[in-house]
C-alpha cells in the first residue's frame, strides 16, 4: 500500500523544518520506500510497517509539542509492489504516448 501523510505541529510558529527534520530521520531509518514532497511524504509498505512509522513520527513530535495535525491518505491494492515508482512511470509514459 502507498500512504500519503503529512504531520505538523500546531502553535510553534511559522518555521516547522526543525520538527519535520526529526520525522525525516524516522522515515529514513524505517527502510521503507518513500518520497518527500512539499506537502508531506509518500511511503510504501504493508499496513503494520507504514502505520508503525506514522506512529513513531507522531510519538516523536508529541515529545516536542502539545498539539499536532496528521493527514493520511491510503491507496491499497492487492498484489501491487513497487507502486510508488510504477504509478508515476506509468502516467509519464502516457503523457508522451502517441
C-alpha atoms as a PDB file:
ATOM      1  CA  UNK A   1       0.000   0.000   0.000  1.00  0.00           C
ATOM      2  CA  UNK A   2       1.017   3.586  -0.562  1.00  0.00           C
ATOM      3  CA  UNK A   3       0.284   6.149   2.107  1.00  0.00           C
ATOM      4  CA  UNK A   4       0.488   9.889   1.639  1.00  0.00           C
ATOM      5  CA  UNK A   5       0.760  11.552   5.012  1.00  0.00           C
ATOM      6  CA  UNK A   6       1.561  14.917   6.471  1.00  0.00           C
ATOM      7  CA  UNK A   7       2.305  15.686  10.089  1.00  0.00           C
ATOM      8  CA  UNK A   8       2.916  19.102  11.565  1.00  0.00           C
ATOM      9  CA  UNK A   9       2.986  20.711  14.977  1.00  0.00           C
ATOM     10  CA  UNK A  10       0.454  23.388  15.821  1.00  0.00           C
ATOM     11  CA  UNK A  11       1.253  26.520  17.795  1.00  0.00           C
ATOM     12  CA  UNK A  12       5.025  26.524  17.378  1.00  0.00           C
ATOM     13  CA  UNK A  13       5.402  29.370  14.891  1.00  0.00           C
ATOM     14  CA  UNK A  14       5.867  29.628  11.157  1.00  0.00           C
ATOM     15  CA  UNK A  15       9.053  27.618  10.636  1.00  0.00           C
ATOM     16  CA  UNK A  16       8.440  23.882  11.031  1.00  0.00           C
ATOM     17  CA  UNK A  17      11.588  22.441   9.445  1.00  0.00           C
ATOM     18  CA  UNK A  18      13.261  21.619  12.777  1.00  0.00           C
ATOM     19  CA  UNK A  19      10.282  19.461  13.742  1.00  0.00           C
ATOM     20  CA  UNK A  20       9.950  17.901  10.290  1.00  0.00           C
ATOM     21  CA  UNK A  21      13.660  17.018  10.221  1.00  0.00           C
ATOM     22  CA  UNK A  22      13.077  14.664  13.148  1.00  0.00           C
ATOM     23  CA  UNK A  23      10.251  12.992  11.220  1.00  0.00           C
ATOM     24  CA  UNK A  24      12.513  12.633   8.164  1.00  0.00           C
ATOM     25  CA  UNK A  25      15.035  10.720  10.289  1.00  0.00           C
ATOM     26  CA  UNK A  26      12.374   8.242  11.410  1.00  0.00           C
ATOM     27  CA  UNK A  27      11.151   7.696   7.858  1.00  0.00           C
ATOM     28  CA  UNK A  28      14.700   7.208   6.526  1.00  0.00           C
ATOM     29  CA  UNK A  29      15.580   4.756   9.295  1.00  0.00           C
ATOM     30  CA  UNK A  30      12.435   2.690   8.596  1.00  0.00           C
ATOM     31  CA  UNK A  31      13.972   1.303   5.408  1.00  0.00           C
ATOM     32  CA  UNK A  32      10.654   1.627   3.575  1.00  0.00           C
ATOM     33  CA  UNK A  33      10.460   3.235   0.129  1.00  0.00           C
ATOM     34  CA  UNK A  34       9.403   6.874   0.413  1.00  0.00           C
ATOM     35  CA  UNK A  35       9.287  10.207  -1.381  1.00  0.00           C
ATOM     36  CA  UNK A  36       9.115  13.544   0.389  1.00  0.00           C
ATOM     37  CA  UNK A  37       7.170  16.324  -1.310  1.00  0.00           C
ATOM     38  CA  UNK A  38       6.363  19.893  -0.352  1.00  0.00           C
ATOM     39  CA  UNK A  39       3.170  18.954   1.479  1.00  0.00           C
ATOM     40  CA  UNK A  40       4.090  15.622   3.070  1.00  0.00           C
ATOM     41  CA  UNK A  41       5.539  12.189   2.336  1.00  0.00           C
ATOM     42  CA  UNK A  42       4.536   9.144   0.313  1.00  0.00           C
ATOM     43  CA  UNK A  43       5.628   5.883   1.940  1.00  0.00           C
ATOM     44  CA  UNK A  44       5.109   2.308   0.755  1.00  0.00           C
ATOM     45  CA  UNK A  45       4.844  -0.927   2.727  1.00  0.00           C
ATOM     46  CA  UNK A  46       2.330  -3.156   4.415  1.00  0.00           C
ATOM     47  CA  UNK A  47      -0.216  -1.789   6.888  1.00  0.00           C
ATOM     48  CA  UNK A  48       1.688  -2.546  10.079  1.00  0.00           C
ATOM     49  CA  UNK A  49       5.000  -1.224   8.739  1.00  0.00           C
ATOM     50  CA  UNK A  50       3.611   2.055   7.439  1.00  0.00           C
ATOM     51  CA  UNK A  51       1.336   2.710  10.411  1.00  0.00           C
ATOM     52  CA  UNK A  52       4.261   1.921  12.707  1.00  0.00           C
ATOM     53  CA  UNK A  53       6.325   4.618  11.005  1.00  0.00           C
ATOM     54  CA  UNK A  54       3.490   7.137  11.243  1.00  0.00           C
ATOM     55  CA  UNK A  55       3.022   6.298  14.932  1.00  0.00           C
ATOM     56  CA  UNK A  56       6.756   6.737  15.557  1.00  0.00           C
ATOM     57  CA  UNK A  57       6.612  10.145  13.834  1.00  0.00           C
ATOM     58  CA  UNK A  58       3.601  11.090  15.975  1.00  0.00           C
ATOM     59  CA  UNK A  59       5.288   9.958  19.188  1.00  0.00           C
ATOM     60  CA  UNK A  60       8.459  11.915  18.384  1.00  0.00           C
ATOM     61  CA  UNK A  61       6.580  15.081  17.551  1.00  0.00           C
ATOM     62  CA  UNK A  62       4.484  14.852  20.733  1.00  0.00           C
ATOM     63  CA  UNK A  63       7.752  14.983  22.679  1.00  0.00           C
ATOM     64  CA  UNK A  64       8.317  18.453  21.198  1.00  0.00           C
ATOM     65  CA  UNK A  65       4.829  19.949  21.083  1.00  0.00           C
ATOM     66  CA  UNK A  66       1.457  19.603  22.767  1.00  0.00           C
ATOM     67  CA  UNK A  67      -0.640  19.648  19.606  1.00  0.00           C
ATOM     68  CA  UNK A  68      -0.231  18.358  16.081  1.00  0.00           C
ATOM     69  CA  UNK A  69      -2.127  17.663  12.891  1.00  0.00           C
ATOM     70  CA  UNK A  70      -1.864  14.438  10.891  1.00  0.00           C
ATOM     71  CA  UNK A  71      -3.436  13.862   7.464  1.00  0.00           C
ATOM     72  CA  UNK A  72      -3.391  10.367   5.969  1.00  0.00           C
ATOM     73  CA  UNK A  73      -4.492   9.173   2.529  1.00  0.00           C
ATOM     74  CA  UNK A  74      -4.166   5.466   1.642  1.00  0.00           C
ATOM     75  CA  UNK A  75      -4.037   3.667  -1.719  1.00  0.00           C
ATOM     76  CA  UNK A  76      -4.190  -0.066  -1.093  1.00  0.00           C
ATOM     77  CA  UNK A  77      -4.190  -2.505  -3.988  1.00  0.00           C
ATOM     78  CA  UNK A  78      -3.736  -6.256  -3.589  1.00  0.00           C
ATOM     79  CA  UNK A  79      -0.698  -7.771  -5.252  1.00  0.00           C
ATOM     80  CA  UNK A  80       0.989  -4.493  -6.138  1.00  0.00           C
ATOM     81  CA  UNK A  81       4.536  -3.860  -5.030  1.00  0.00           C
ATOM     82  CA  UNK A  82       6.825  -1.045  -6.097  1.00  0.00           C
ATOM     83  CA  UNK A  83       3.726   1.053  -6.736  1.00  0.00           C
ATOM     84  CA  UNK A  84       5.450   4.221  -5.596  1.00  0.00           C
ATOM     85  CA  UNK A  85       7.691   4.231  -8.652  1.00  0.00           C
ATOM     86  CA  UNK A  86       5.416   2.375 -11.088  1.00  0.00           C
ATOM     87  CA  UNK A  87       2.441   4.729 -10.773  1.00  0.00           C
ATOM     88  CA  UNK A  88       4.459   7.793 -11.740  1.00  0.00           C
ATOM     89  CA  UNK A  89       6.347   5.976 -14.508  1.00  0.00           C
ATOM     90  CA  UNK A  90       3.077   4.701 -15.995  1.00  0.00           C
ATOM     91  CA  UNK A  91       1.482   8.150 -16.035  1.00  0.00           C
ATOM     92  CA  UNK A  92       4.585   9.816 -17.506  1.00  0.00           C
ATOM     93  CA  UNK A  93       4.749   7.224 -20.301  1.00  0.00           C
ATOM     94  CA  UNK A  94       1.188   8.077 -21.273  1.00  0.00           C
ATOM     95  CA  UNK A  95       1.979  11.791 -21.495  1.00  0.00           C
ATOM     96  CA  UNK A  96       4.407  11.139 -24.368  1.00  0.00           C
ATOM     97  CA  UNK A  97       2.467   8.271 -25.973  1.00  0.00           C
ATOM     98  CA  UNK A  98       1.020   8.863 -29.466  1.00  0.00           C
END
